[in-house]
PDBML (XML) file of the C-alpha atoms, coordinates in Angstrom:
<?xml version="1.0" encoding="UTF-8" ?>
<PDBx:datablock datablockName="MODEL"
   xmlns:PDBx="http://pdbml.pdb.org/schema/pdbx-v50.xsd"
   xmlns:xsi="http://www.w3.org/2001/XMLSchema-instance"
   xsi:schemaLocation="http://pdbml.pdb.org/schema/pdbx-v50.xsd pdbx-v50.xsd">
   <PDBx:atom_siteCategory>
      <PDBx:atom_site id="1">
         <PDBx:B_iso_or_equiv>0.00</PDBx:B_iso_or_equiv>
         <PDBx:Cartn_x>19.019</PDBx:Cartn_x>
         <PDBx:Cartn_y>45.108</PDBx:Cartn_y>
         <PDBx:Cartn_z>-46.253</PDBx:Cartn_z>
         <PDBx:auth_asym_id>A</PDBx:auth_asym_id>
         <PDBx:auth_atom_id>CA</PDBx:auth_atom_id>
         <PDBx:auth_comp_id>THR</PDBx:auth_comp_id>
         <PDBx:auth_seq_id>1</PDBx:auth_seq_id>
         <PDBx:group_PDB>ATOM</PDBx:group_PDB>
         <PDBx:label_alt_id xsi:nil="true" />
         <PDBx:label_asym_id>A</PDBx:label_asym_id>
         <PDBx:label_atom_id>CA</PDBx:label_atom_id>
         <PDBx:label_comp_id>THR</PDBx:label_comp_id>
         <PDBx:label_entity_id>1</PDBx:label_entity_id>
         <PDBx:label_seq_id>1</PDBx:label_seq_id>
         <PDBx:occupancy>1.00</PDBx:occupancy>
         <PDBx:pdbx_PDB_model_num>1</PDBx:pdbx_PDB_model_num>
         <PDBx:type_symbol>C</PDBx:type_symbol>
      </PDBx:atom_site>
      <PDBx:atom_site id="2">
         <PDBx:B_iso_or_equiv>0.00</PDBx:B_iso_or_equiv>
         <PDBx:Cartn_x>21.314</PDBx:Cartn_x>
         <PDBx:Cartn_y>43.386</PDBx:Cartn_y>
         <PDBx:Cartn_z>-49.056</PDBx:Cartn_z>
         <PDBx:auth_asym_id>A</PDBx:auth_asym_id>
         <PDBx:auth_atom_id>CA</PDBx:auth_atom_id>
         <PDBx:auth_comp_id>ASP</PDBx:auth_comp_id>
         <PDBx:auth_seq_id>2</PDBx:auth_seq_id>
         <PDBx:group_PDB>ATOM</PDBx:group_PDB>
         <PDBx:label_alt_id xsi:nil="true" />
         <PDBx:label_asym_id>A</PDBx:label_asym_id>
         <PDBx:label_atom_id>CA</PDBx:label_atom_id>
         <PDBx:label_comp_id>ASP</PDBx:label_comp_id>
         <PDBx:label_entity_id>1</PDBx:label_entity_id>
         <PDBx:label_seq_id>2</PDBx:label_seq_id>
         <PDBx:occupancy>1.00</PDBx:occupancy>
         <PDBx:pdbx_PDB_model_num>1</PDBx:pdbx_PDB_model_num>
         <PDBx:type_symbol>C</PDBx:type_symbol>
      </PDBx:atom_site>
      <PDBx:atom_site id="3">
         <PDBx:B_iso_or_equiv>0.00</PDBx:B_iso_or_equiv>
         <PDBx:Cartn_x>24.146</PDBx:Cartn_x>
         <PDBx:Cartn_y>45.963</PDBx:Cartn_y>
         <PDBx:Cartn_z>-49.649</PDBx:Cartn_z>
         <PDBx:auth_asym_id>A</PDBx:auth_asym_id>
         <PDBx:auth_atom_id>CA</PDBx:auth_atom_id>
         <PDBx:auth_comp_id>ILE</PDBx:auth_comp_id>
         <PDBx:auth_seq_id>3</PDBx:auth_seq_id>
         <PDBx:group_PDB>ATOM</PDBx:group_PDB>
         <PDBx:label_alt_id xsi:nil="true" />
         <PDBx:label_asym_id>A</PDBx:label_asym_id>
         <PDBx:label_atom_id>CA</PDBx:label_atom_id>
         <PDBx:label_comp_id>ILE</PDBx:label_comp_id>
         <PDBx:label_entity_id>1</PDBx:label_entity_id>
         <PDBx:label_seq_id>3</PDBx:label_seq_id>
         <PDBx:occupancy>1.00</PDBx:occupancy>
         <PDBx:pdbx_PDB_model_num>1</PDBx:pdbx_PDB_model_num>
         <PDBx:type_symbol>C</PDBx:type_symbol>
      </PDBx:atom_site>
      <PDBx:atom_site id="4">
         <PDBx:B_iso_or_equiv>0.00</PDBx:B_iso_or_equiv>
         <PDBx:Cartn_x>26.440</PDBx:Cartn_x>
         <PDBx:Cartn_y>45.118</PDBx:Cartn_y>
         <PDBx:Cartn_z>-52.685</PDBx:Cartn_z>
         <PDBx:auth_asym_id>A</PDBx:auth_asym_id>
         <PDBx:auth_atom_id>CA</PDBx:auth_atom_id>
         <PDBx:auth_comp_id>PRO</PDBx:auth_comp_id>
         <PDBx:auth_seq_id>4</PDBx:auth_seq_id>
         <PDBx:group_PDB>ATOM</PDBx:group_PDB>
         <PDBx:label_alt_id xsi:nil="true" />
         <PDBx:label_asym_id>A</PDBx:label_asym_id>
         <PDBx:label_atom_id>CA</PDBx:label_atom_id>
         <PDBx:label_comp_id>PRO</PDBx:label_comp_id>
         <PDBx:label_entity_id>1</PDBx:label_entity_id>
         <PDBx:label_seq_id>4</PDBx:label_seq_id>
         <PDBx:occupancy>1.00</PDBx:occupancy>
         <PDBx:pdbx_PDB_model_num>1</PDBx:pdbx_PDB_model_num>
         <PDBx:type_symbol>C</PDBx:type_symbol>
      </PDBx:atom_site>
      <PDBx:atom_site id="5">
         <PDBx:B_iso_or_equiv>0.00</PDBx:B_iso_or_equiv>
         <PDBx:Cartn_x>30.195</PDBx:Cartn_x>
         <PDBx:Cartn_y>45.035</PDBx:Cartn_y>
         <PDBx:Cartn_z>-51.663</PDBx:Cartn_z>
         <PDBx:auth_asym_id>A</PDBx:auth_asym_id>
         <PDBx:auth_atom_id>CA</PDBx:auth_atom_id>
         <PDBx:auth_comp_id>SER</PDBx:auth_comp_id>
         <PDBx:auth_seq_id>5</PDBx:auth_seq_id>
         <PDBx:group_PDB>ATOM</PDBx:group_PDB>
         <PDBx:label_alt_id xsi:nil="true" />
         <PDBx:label_asym_id>A</PDBx:label_asym_id>
         <PDBx:label_atom_id>CA</PDBx:label_atom_id>
         <PDBx:label_comp_id>SER</PDBx:label_comp_id>
         <PDBx:label_entity_id>1</PDBx:label_entity_id>
         <PDBx:label_seq_id>5</PDBx:label_seq_id>
         <PDBx:occupancy>1.00</PDBx:occupancy>
         <PDBx:pdbx_PDB_model_num>1</PDBx:pdbx_PDB_model_num>
         <PDBx:type_symbol>C</PDBx:type_symbol>
      </PDBx:atom_site>
      <PDBx:atom_site id="6">
         <PDBx:B_iso_or_equiv>0.00</PDBx:B_iso_or_equiv>
         <PDBx:Cartn_x>31.090</PDBx:Cartn_x>
         <PDBx:Cartn_y>47.823</PDBx:Cartn_y>
         <PDBx:Cartn_z>-54.252</PDBx:Cartn_z>
         <PDBx:auth_asym_id>A</PDBx:auth_asym_id>
         <PDBx:auth_atom_id>CA</PDBx:auth_atom_id>
         <PDBx:auth_comp_id>ASP</PDBx:auth_comp_id>
         <PDBx:auth_seq_id>6</PDBx:auth_seq_id>
         <PDBx:group_PDB>ATOM</PDBx:group_PDB>
         <PDBx:label_alt_id xsi:nil="true" />
         <PDBx:label_asym_id>A</PDBx:label_asym_id>
         <PDBx:label_atom_id>CA</PDBx:label_atom_id>
         <PDBx:label_comp_id>ASP</PDBx:label_comp_id>
         <PDBx:label_entity_id>1</PDBx:label_entity_id>
         <PDBx:label_seq_id>6</PDBx:label_seq_id>
         <PDBx:occupancy>1.00</PDBx:occupancy>
         <PDBx:pdbx_PDB_model_num>1</PDBx:pdbx_PDB_model_num>
         <PDBx:type_symbol>C</PDBx:type_symbol>
      </PDBx:atom_site>
      <PDBx:atom_site id="7">
         <PDBx:B_iso_or_equiv>0.00</PDBx:B_iso_or_equiv>
         <PDBx:Cartn_x>28.383</PDBx:Cartn_x>
         <PDBx:Cartn_y>50.194</PDBx:Cartn_y>
         <PDBx:Cartn_z>-53.254</PDBx:Cartn_z>
         <PDBx:auth_asym_id>A</PDBx:auth_asym_id>
         <PDBx:auth_atom_id>CA</PDBx:auth_atom_id>
         <PDBx:auth_comp_id>ARG</PDBx:auth_comp_id>
         <PDBx:auth_seq_id>7</PDBx:auth_seq_id>
         <PDBx:group_PDB>ATOM</PDBx:group_PDB>
         <PDBx:label_alt_id xsi:nil="true" />
         <PDBx:label_asym_id>A</PDBx:label_asym_id>
         <PDBx:label_atom_id>CA</PDBx:label_atom_id>
         <PDBx:label_comp_id>ARG</PDBx:label_comp_id>
         <PDBx:label_entity_id>1</PDBx:label_entity_id>
         <PDBx:label_seq_id>7</PDBx:label_seq_id>
         <PDBx:occupancy>1.00</PDBx:occupancy>
         <PDBx:pdbx_PDB_model_num>1</PDBx:pdbx_PDB_model_num>
         <PDBx:type_symbol>C</PDBx:type_symbol>
      </PDBx:atom_site>
      <PDBx:atom_site id="8">
         <PDBx:B_iso_or_equiv>0.00</PDBx:B_iso_or_equiv>
         <PDBx:Cartn_x>30.622</PDBx:Cartn_x>
         <PDBx:Cartn_y>51.863</PDBx:Cartn_y>
         <PDBx:Cartn_z>-50.702</PDBx:Cartn_z>
         <PDBx:auth_asym_id>A</PDBx:auth_asym_id>
         <PDBx:auth_atom_id>CA</PDBx:auth_atom_id>
         <PDBx:auth_comp_id>ILE</PDBx:auth_comp_id>
         <PDBx:auth_seq_id>8</PDBx:auth_seq_id>
         <PDBx:group_PDB>ATOM</PDBx:group_PDB>
         <PDBx:label_alt_id xsi:nil="true" />
         <PDBx:label_asym_id>A</PDBx:label_asym_id>
         <PDBx:label_atom_id>CA</PDBx:label_atom_id>
         <PDBx:label_comp_id>ILE</PDBx:label_comp_id>
         <PDBx:label_entity_id>1</PDBx:label_entity_id>
         <PDBx:label_seq_id>8</PDBx:label_seq_id>
         <PDBx:occupancy>1.00</PDBx:occupancy>
         <PDBx:pdbx_PDB_model_num>1</PDBx:pdbx_PDB_model_num>
         <PDBx:type_symbol>C</PDBx:type_symbol>
      </PDBx:atom_site>
      <PDBx:atom_site id="9">
         <PDBx:B_iso_or_equiv>0.00</PDBx:B_iso_or_equiv>
         <PDBx:Cartn_x>28.134</PDBx:Cartn_x>
         <PDBx:Cartn_y>54.446</PDBx:Cartn_y>
         <PDBx:Cartn_z>-49.682</PDBx:Cartn_z>
         <PDBx:auth_asym_id>A</PDBx:auth_asym_id>
         <PDBx:auth_atom_id>CA</PDBx:auth_atom_id>
         <PDBx:auth_comp_id>THR</PDBx:auth_comp_id>
         <PDBx:auth_seq_id>9</PDBx:auth_seq_id>
         <PDBx:group_PDB>ATOM</PDBx:group_PDB>
         <PDBx:label_alt_id xsi:nil="true" />
         <PDBx:label_asym_id>A</PDBx:label_asym_id>
         <PDBx:label_atom_id>CA</PDBx:label_atom_id>
         <PDBx:label_comp_id>THR</PDBx:label_comp_id>
         <PDBx:label_entity_id>1</PDBx:label_entity_id>
         <PDBx:label_seq_id>9</PDBx:label_seq_id>
         <PDBx:occupancy>1.00</PDBx:occupancy>
         <PDBx:pdbx_PDB_model_num>1</PDBx:pdbx_PDB_model_num>
         <PDBx:type_symbol>C</PDBx:type_symbol>
      </PDBx:atom_site>
      <PDBx:atom_site id="10">
         <PDBx:B_iso_or_equiv>0.00</PDBx:B_iso_or_equiv>
         <PDBx:Cartn_x>25.890</PDBx:Cartn_x>
         <PDBx:Cartn_y>51.819</PDBx:Cartn_y>
         <PDBx:Cartn_z>-48.100</PDBx:Cartn_z>
         <PDBx:auth_asym_id>A</PDBx:auth_asym_id>
         <PDBx:auth_atom_id>CA</PDBx:auth_atom_id>
         <PDBx:auth_comp_id>GLN</PDBx:auth_comp_id>
         <PDBx:auth_seq_id>10</PDBx:auth_seq_id>
         <PDBx:group_PDB>ATOM</PDBx:group_PDB>
         <PDBx:label_alt_id xsi:nil="true" />
         <PDBx:label_asym_id>A</PDBx:label_asym_id>
         <PDBx:label_atom_id>CA</PDBx:label_atom_id>
         <PDBx:label_comp_id>GLN</PDBx:label_comp_id>
         <PDBx:label_entity_id>1</PDBx:label_entity_id>
         <PDBx:label_seq_id>10</PDBx:label_seq_id>
         <PDBx:occupancy>1.00</PDBx:occupancy>
         <PDBx:pdbx_PDB_model_num>1</PDBx:pdbx_PDB_model_num>
         <PDBx:type_symbol>C</PDBx:type_symbol>
      </PDBx:atom_site>
      <PDBx:atom_site id="11">
         <PDBx:B_iso_or_equiv>0.00</PDBx:B_iso_or_equiv>
         <PDBx:Cartn_x>28.838</PDBx:Cartn_x>
         <PDBx:Cartn_y>49.689</PDBx:Cartn_y>
         <PDBx:Cartn_z>-46.651</PDBx:Cartn_z>
         <PDBx:auth_asym_id>A</PDBx:auth_asym_id>
         <PDBx:auth_atom_id>CA</PDBx:auth_atom_id>
         <PDBx:auth_comp_id>ALA</PDBx:auth_comp_id>
         <PDBx:auth_seq_id>11</PDBx:auth_seq_id>
         <PDBx:group_PDB>ATOM</PDBx:group_PDB>
         <PDBx:label_alt_id xsi:nil="true" />
         <PDBx:label_asym_id>A</PDBx:label_asym_id>
         <PDBx:label_atom_id>CA</PDBx:label_atom_id>
         <PDBx:label_comp_id>ALA</PDBx:label_comp_id>
         <PDBx:label_entity_id>1</PDBx:label_entity_id>
         <PDBx:label_seq_id>11</PDBx:label_seq_id>
         <PDBx:occupancy>1.00</PDBx:occupancy>
         <PDBx:pdbx_PDB_model_num>1</PDBx:pdbx_PDB_model_num>
         <PDBx:type_symbol>C</PDBx:type_symbol>
      </PDBx:atom_site>
      <PDBx:atom_site id="12">
         <PDBx:B_iso_or_equiv>0.00</PDBx:B_iso_or_equiv>
         <PDBx:Cartn_x>27.796</PDBx:Cartn_x>
         <PDBx:Cartn_y>49.264</PDBx:Cartn_y>
         <PDBx:Cartn_z>-42.920</PDBx:Cartn_z>
         <PDBx:auth_asym_id>A</PDBx:auth_asym_id>
         <PDBx:auth_atom_id>CA</PDBx:auth_atom_id>
         <PDBx:auth_comp_id>ARG</PDBx:auth_comp_id>
         <PDBx:auth_seq_id>12</PDBx:auth_seq_id>
         <PDBx:group_PDB>ATOM</PDBx:group_PDB>
         <PDBx:label_alt_id xsi:nil="true" />
         <PDBx:label_asym_id>A</PDBx:label_asym_id>
         <PDBx:label_atom_id>CA</PDBx:label_atom_id>
         <PDBx:label_comp_id>ARG</PDBx:label_comp_id>
         <PDBx:label_entity_id>1</PDBx:label_entity_id>
         <PDBx:label_seq_id>12</PDBx:label_seq_id>
         <PDBx:occupancy>1.00</PDBx:occupancy>
         <PDBx:pdbx_PDB_model_num>1</PDBx:pdbx_PDB_model_num>
         <PDBx:type_symbol>C</PDBx:type_symbol>
      </PDBx:atom_site>
      <PDBx:atom_site id="13">
         <PDBx:B_iso_or_equiv>0.00</PDBx:B_iso_or_equiv>
         <PDBx:Cartn_x>31.584</PDBx:Cartn_x>
         <PDBx:Cartn_y>50.439</PDBx:Cartn_y>
         <PDBx:Cartn_z>-41.832</PDBx:Cartn_z>
         <PDBx:auth_asym_id>A</PDBx:auth_asym_id>
         <PDBx:auth_atom_id>CA</PDBx:auth_atom_id>
         <PDBx:auth_comp_id>ASP</PDBx:auth_comp_id>
         <PDBx:auth_seq_id>13</PDBx:auth_seq_id>
         <PDBx:group_PDB>ATOM</PDBx:group_PDB>
         <PDBx:label_alt_id xsi:nil="true" />
         <PDBx:label_asym_id>A</PDBx:label_asym_id>
         <PDBx:label_atom_id>CA</PDBx:label_atom_id>
         <PDBx:label_comp_id>ASP</PDBx:label_comp_id>
         <PDBx:label_entity_id>1</PDBx:label_entity_id>
         <PDBx:label_seq_id>13</PDBx:label_seq_id>
         <PDBx:occupancy>1.00</PDBx:occupancy>
         <PDBx:pdbx_PDB_model_num>1</PDBx:pdbx_PDB_model_num>
         <PDBx:type_symbol>C</PDBx:type_symbol>
      </PDBx:atom_site>
      <PDBx:atom_site id="14">
         <PDBx:B_iso_or_equiv>0.00</PDBx:B_iso_or_equiv>
         <PDBx:Cartn_x>31.542</PDBx:Cartn_x>
         <PDBx:Cartn_y>53.592</PDBx:Cartn_y>
         <PDBx:Cartn_z>-44.276</PDBx:Cartn_z>
         <PDBx:auth_asym_id>A</PDBx:auth_asym_id>
         <PDBx:auth_atom_id>CA</PDBx:auth_atom_id>
         <PDBx:auth_comp_id>CYS</PDBx:auth_comp_id>
         <PDBx:auth_seq_id>14</PDBx:auth_seq_id>
         <PDBx:group_PDB>ATOM</PDBx:group_PDB>
         <PDBx:label_alt_id xsi:nil="true" />
         <PDBx:label_asym_id>A</PDBx:label_asym_id>
         <PDBx:label_atom_id>CA</PDBx:label_atom_id>
         <PDBx:label_comp_id>CYS</PDBx:label_comp_id>
         <PDBx:label_entity_id>1</PDBx:label_entity_id>
         <PDBx:label_seq_id>14</PDBx:label_seq_id>
         <PDBx:occupancy>1.00</PDBx:occupancy>
         <PDBx:pdbx_PDB_model_num>1</PDBx:pdbx_PDB_model_num>
         <PDBx:type_symbol>C</PDBx:type_symbol>
      </PDBx:atom_site>
      <PDBx:atom_site id="15">
         <PDBx:B_iso_or_equiv>0.00</PDBx:B_iso_or_equiv>
         <PDBx:Cartn_x>31.328</PDBx:Cartn_x>
         <PDBx:Cartn_y>57.033</PDBx:Cartn_y>
         <PDBx:Cartn_z>-42.846</PDBx:Cartn_z>
         <PDBx:auth_asym_id>A</PDBx:auth_asym_id>
         <PDBx:auth_atom_id>CA</PDBx:auth_atom_id>
         <PDBx:auth_comp_id>VAL</PDBx:auth_comp_id>
         <PDBx:auth_seq_id>15</PDBx:auth_seq_id>
         <PDBx:group_PDB>ATOM</PDBx:group_PDB>
         <PDBx:label_alt_id xsi:nil="true" />
         <PDBx:label_asym_id>A</PDBx:label_asym_id>
         <PDBx:label_atom_id>CA</PDBx:label_atom_id>
         <PDBx:label_comp_id>VAL</PDBx:label_comp_id>
         <PDBx:label_entity_id>1</PDBx:label_entity_id>
         <PDBx:label_seq_id>15</PDBx:label_seq_id>
         <PDBx:occupancy>1.00</PDBx:occupancy>
         <PDBx:pdbx_PDB_model_num>1</PDBx:pdbx_PDB_model_num>
         <PDBx:type_symbol>C</PDBx:type_symbol>
      </PDBx:atom_site>
      <PDBx:atom_site id="16">
         <PDBx:B_iso_or_equiv>0.00</PDBx:B_iso_or_equiv>
         <PDBx:Cartn_x>30.173</PDBx:Cartn_x>
         <PDBx:Cartn_y>59.558</PDBx:Cartn_y>
         <PDBx:Cartn_z>-45.442</PDBx:Cartn_z>
         <PDBx:auth_asym_id>A</PDBx:auth_asym_id>
         <PDBx:auth_atom_id>CA</PDBx:auth_atom_id>
         <PDBx:auth_comp_id>ILE</PDBx:auth_comp_id>
         <PDBx:auth_seq_id>16</PDBx:auth_seq_id>
         <PDBx:group_PDB>ATOM</PDBx:group_PDB>
         <PDBx:label_alt_id xsi:nil="true" />
         <PDBx:label_asym_id>A</PDBx:label_asym_id>
         <PDBx:label_atom_id>CA</PDBx:label_atom_id>
         <PDBx:label_comp_id>ILE</PDBx:label_comp_id>
         <PDBx:label_entity_id>1</PDBx:label_entity_id>
         <PDBx:label_seq_id>16</PDBx:label_seq_id>
         <PDBx:occupancy>1.00</PDBx:occupancy>
         <PDBx:pdbx_PDB_model_num>1</PDBx:pdbx_PDB_model_num>
         <PDBx:type_symbol>C</PDBx:type_symbol>
      </PDBx:atom_site>
      <PDBx:atom_site id="17">
         <PDBx:B_iso_or_equiv>0.00</PDBx:B_iso_or_equiv>
         <PDBx:Cartn_x>31.833</PDBx:Cartn_x>
         <PDBx:Cartn_y>62.857</PDBx:Cartn_y>
         <PDBx:Cartn_z>-44.768</PDBx:Cartn_z>
         <PDBx:auth_asym_id>A</PDBx:auth_asym_id>
         <PDBx:auth_atom_id>CA</PDBx:auth_atom_id>
         <PDBx:auth_comp_id>VAL</PDBx:auth_comp_id>
         <PDBx:auth_seq_id>17</PDBx:auth_seq_id>
         <PDBx:group_PDB>ATOM</PDBx:group_PDB>
         <PDBx:label_alt_id xsi:nil="true" />
         <PDBx:label_asym_id>A</PDBx:label_asym_id>
         <PDBx:label_atom_id>CA</PDBx:label_atom_id>
         <PDBx:label_comp_id>VAL</PDBx:label_comp_id>
         <PDBx:label_entity_id>1</PDBx:label_entity_id>
         <PDBx:label_seq_id>17</PDBx:label_seq_id>
         <PDBx:occupancy>1.00</PDBx:occupancy>
         <PDBx:pdbx_PDB_model_num>1</PDBx:pdbx_PDB_model_num>
         <PDBx:type_symbol>C</PDBx:type_symbol>
      </PDBx:atom_site>
      <PDBx:atom_site id="18">
         <PDBx:B_iso_or_equiv>0.00</PDBx:B_iso_or_equiv>
         <PDBx:Cartn_x>30.268</PDBx:Cartn_x>
         <PDBx:Cartn_y>65.995</PDBx:Cartn_y>
         <PDBx:Cartn_z>-46.316</PDBx:Cartn_z>
         <PDBx:auth_asym_id>A</PDBx:auth_asym_id>
         <PDBx:auth_atom_id>CA</PDBx:auth_atom_id>
         <PDBx:auth_comp_id>GLN</PDBx:auth_comp_id>
         <PDBx:auth_seq_id>18</PDBx:auth_seq_id>
         <PDBx:group_PDB>ATOM</PDBx:group_PDB>
         <PDBx:label_alt_id xsi:nil="true" />
         <PDBx:label_asym_id>A</PDBx:label_asym_id>
         <PDBx:label_atom_id>CA</PDBx:label_atom_id>
         <PDBx:label_comp_id>GLN</PDBx:label_comp_id>
         <PDBx:label_entity_id>1</PDBx:label_entity_id>
         <PDBx:label_seq_id>18</PDBx:label_seq_id>
         <PDBx:occupancy>1.00</PDBx:occupancy>
         <PDBx:pdbx_PDB_model_num>1</PDBx:pdbx_PDB_model_num>
         <PDBx:type_symbol>C</PDBx:type_symbol>
      </PDBx:atom_site>
      <PDBx:atom_site id="19">
         <PDBx:B_iso_or_equiv>0.00</PDBx:B_iso_or_equiv>
         <PDBx:Cartn_x>32.165</PDBx:Cartn_x>
         <PDBx:Cartn_y>69.046</PDBx:Cartn_y>
         <PDBx:Cartn_z>-45.598</PDBx:Cartn_z>
         <PDBx:auth_asym_id>A</PDBx:auth_asym_id>
         <PDBx:auth_atom_id>CA</PDBx:auth_atom_id>
         <PDBx:auth_comp_id>THR</PDBx:auth_comp_id>
         <PDBx:auth_seq_id>19</PDBx:auth_seq_id>
         <PDBx:group_PDB>ATOM</PDBx:group_PDB>
         <PDBx:label_alt_id xsi:nil="true" />
         <PDBx:label_asym_id>A</PDBx:label_asym_id>
         <PDBx:label_atom_id>CA</PDBx:label_atom_id>
         <PDBx:label_comp_id>THR</PDBx:label_comp_id>
         <PDBx:label_entity_id>1</PDBx:label_entity_id>
         <PDBx:label_seq_id>19</PDBx:label_seq_id>
         <PDBx:occupancy>1.00</PDBx:occupancy>
         <PDBx:pdbx_PDB_model_num>1</PDBx:pdbx_PDB_model_num>
         <PDBx:type_symbol>C</PDBx:type_symbol>
      </PDBx:atom_site>
      <PDBx:atom_site id="20">
         <PDBx:B_iso_or_equiv>0.00</PDBx:B_iso_or_equiv>
         <PDBx:Cartn_x>31.204</PDBx:Cartn_x>
         <PDBx:Cartn_y>72.682</PDBx:Cartn_y>
         <PDBx:Cartn_z>-46.310</PDBx:Cartn_z>
         <PDBx:auth_asym_id>A</PDBx:auth_asym_id>
         <PDBx:auth_atom_id>CA</PDBx:auth_atom_id>
         <PDBx:auth_comp_id>PRO</PDBx:auth_comp_id>
         <PDBx:auth_seq_id>20</PDBx:auth_seq_id>
         <PDBx:group_PDB>ATOM</PDBx:group_PDB>
         <PDBx:label_alt_id xsi:nil="true" />
         <PDBx:label_asym_id>A</PDBx:label_asym_id>
         <PDBx:label_atom_id>CA</PDBx:label_atom_id>
         <PDBx:label_comp_id>PRO</PDBx:label_comp_id>
         <PDBx:label_entity_id>1</PDBx:label_entity_id>
         <PDBx:label_seq_id>20</PDBx:label_seq_id>
         <PDBx:occupancy>1.00</PDBx:occupancy>
         <PDBx:pdbx_PDB_model_num>1</PDBx:pdbx_PDB_model_num>
         <PDBx:type_symbol>C</PDBx:type_symbol>
      </PDBx:atom_site>
      <PDBx:atom_site id="21">
         <PDBx:B_iso_or_equiv>0.00</PDBx:B_iso_or_equiv>
         <PDBx:Cartn_x>30.425</PDBx:Cartn_x>
         <PDBx:Cartn_y>73.792</PDBx:Cartn_y>
         <PDBx:Cartn_z>-49.547</PDBx:Cartn_z>
         <PDBx:auth_asym_id>A</PDBx:auth_asym_id>
         <PDBx:auth_atom_id>CA</PDBx:auth_atom_id>
         <PDBx:auth_comp_id>GLY</PDBx:auth_comp_id>
         <PDBx:auth_seq_id>21</PDBx:auth_seq_id>
         <PDBx:group_PDB>ATOM</PDBx:group_PDB>
         <PDBx:label_alt_id xsi:nil="true" />
         <PDBx:label_asym_id>A</PDBx:label_asym_id>
         <PDBx:label_atom_id>CA</PDBx:label_atom_id>
         <PDBx:label_comp_id>GLY</PDBx:label_comp_id>
         <PDBx:label_entity_id>1</PDBx:label_entity_id>
         <PDBx:label_seq_id>21</PDBx:label_seq_id>
         <PDBx:occupancy>1.00</PDBx:occupancy>
         <PDBx:pdbx_PDB_model_num>1</PDBx:pdbx_PDB_model_num>
         <PDBx:type_symbol>C</PDBx:type_symbol>
      </PDBx:atom_site>
      <PDBx:atom_site id="22">
         <PDBx:B_iso_or_equiv>0.00</PDBx:B_iso_or_equiv>
         <PDBx:Cartn_x>30.454</PDBx:Cartn_x>
         <PDBx:Cartn_y>70.404</PDBx:Cartn_y>
         <PDBx:Cartn_z>-50.879</PDBx:Cartn_z>
         <PDBx:auth_asym_id>A</PDBx:auth_asym_id>
         <PDBx:auth_atom_id>CA</PDBx:auth_atom_id>
         <PDBx:auth_comp_id>CYS</PDBx:auth_comp_id>
         <PDBx:auth_seq_id>22</PDBx:auth_seq_id>
         <PDBx:group_PDB>ATOM</PDBx:group_PDB>
         <PDBx:label_alt_id xsi:nil="true" />
         <PDBx:label_asym_id>A</PDBx:label_asym_id>
         <PDBx:label_atom_id>CA</PDBx:label_atom_id>
         <PDBx:label_comp_id>CYS</PDBx:label_comp_id>
         <PDBx:label_entity_id>1</PDBx:label_entity_id>
         <PDBx:label_seq_id>22</PDBx:label_seq_id>
         <PDBx:occupancy>1.00</PDBx:occupancy>
         <PDBx:pdbx_PDB_model_num>1</PDBx:pdbx_PDB_model_num>
         <PDBx:type_symbol>C</PDBx:type_symbol>
      </PDBx:atom_site>
      <PDBx:atom_site id="23">
         <PDBx:B_iso_or_equiv>0.00</PDBx:B_iso_or_equiv>
         <PDBx:Cartn_x>27.632</PDBx:Cartn_x>
         <PDBx:Cartn_y>68.673</PDBx:Cartn_y>
         <PDBx:Cartn_z>-53.543</PDBx:Cartn_z>
         <PDBx:auth_asym_id>A</PDBx:auth_asym_id>
         <PDBx:auth_atom_id>CA</PDBx:auth_atom_id>
         <PDBx:auth_comp_id>LYS</PDBx:auth_comp_id>
         <PDBx:auth_seq_id>23</PDBx:auth_seq_id>
         <PDBx:group_PDB>ATOM</PDBx:group_PDB>
         <PDBx:label_alt_id xsi:nil="true" />
         <PDBx:label_asym_id>A</PDBx:label_asym_id>
         <PDBx:label_atom_id>CA</PDBx:label_atom_id>
         <PDBx:label_comp_id>LYS</PDBx:label_comp_id>
         <PDBx:label_entity_id>1</PDBx:label_entity_id>
         <PDBx:label_seq_id>23</PDBx:label_seq_id>
         <PDBx:occupancy>1.00</PDBx:occupancy>
         <PDBx:pdbx_PDB_model_num>1</PDBx:pdbx_PDB_model_num>
         <PDBx:type_symbol>C</PDBx:type_symbol>
      </PDBx:atom_site>
      <PDBx:atom_site id="24">
         <PDBx:B_iso_or_equiv>0.00</PDBx:B_iso_or_equiv>
         <PDBx:Cartn_x>27.088</PDBx:Cartn_x>
         <PDBx:Cartn_y>65.318</PDBx:Cartn_y>
         <PDBx:Cartn_z>-53.338</PDBx:Cartn_z>
         <PDBx:auth_asym_id>A</PDBx:auth_asym_id>
         <PDBx:auth_atom_id>CA</PDBx:auth_atom_id>
         <PDBx:auth_comp_id>ASN</PDBx:auth_comp_id>
         <PDBx:auth_seq_id>24</PDBx:auth_seq_id>
         <PDBx:group_PDB>ATOM</PDBx:group_PDB>
         <PDBx:label_alt_id xsi:nil="true" />
         <PDBx:label_asym_id>A</PDBx:label_asym_id>
         <PDBx:label_atom_id>CA</PDBx:label_atom_id>
         <PDBx:label_comp_id>ASN</PDBx:label_comp_id>
         <PDBx:label_entity_id>1</PDBx:label_entity_id>
         <PDBx:label_seq_id>24</PDBx:label_seq_id>
         <PDBx:occupancy>1.00</PDBx:occupancy>
         <PDBx:pdbx_PDB_model_num>1</PDBx:pdbx_PDB_model_num>
         <PDBx:type_symbol>C</PDBx:type_symbol>
      </PDBx:atom_site>
      <PDBx:atom_site id="25">
         <PDBx:B_iso_or_equiv>0.00</PDBx:B_iso_or_equiv>
         <PDBx:Cartn_x>25.025</PDBx:Cartn_x>
         <PDBx:Cartn_y>62.581</PDBx:Cartn_y>
         <PDBx:Cartn_z>-55.191</PDBx:Cartn_z>
         <PDBx:auth_asym_id>A</PDBx:auth_asym_id>
         <PDBx:auth_atom_id>CA</PDBx:auth_atom_id>
         <PDBx:auth_comp_id>VAL</PDBx:auth_comp_id>
         <PDBx:auth_seq_id>25</PDBx:auth_seq_id>
         <PDBx:group_PDB>ATOM</PDBx:group_PDB>
         <PDBx:label_alt_id xsi:nil="true" />
         <PDBx:label_asym_id>A</PDBx:label_asym_id>
         <PDBx:label_atom_id>CA</PDBx:label_atom_id>
         <PDBx:label_comp_id>VAL</PDBx:label_comp_id>
         <PDBx:label_entity_id>1</PDBx:label_entity_id>
         <PDBx:label_seq_id>25</PDBx:label_seq_id>
         <PDBx:occupancy>1.00</PDBx:occupancy>
         <PDBx:pdbx_PDB_model_num>1</PDBx:pdbx_PDB_model_num>
         <PDBx:type_symbol>C</PDBx:type_symbol>
      </PDBx:atom_site>
   </PDBx:atom_siteCategory>
</PDBx:datablock>
């Protein structure tokens, strides 16, 4: 896995929190 530093959704210390009713891409 090569993860660009500016692609935060794939940073290994990033937790994406999706809350009720959200729509996300």
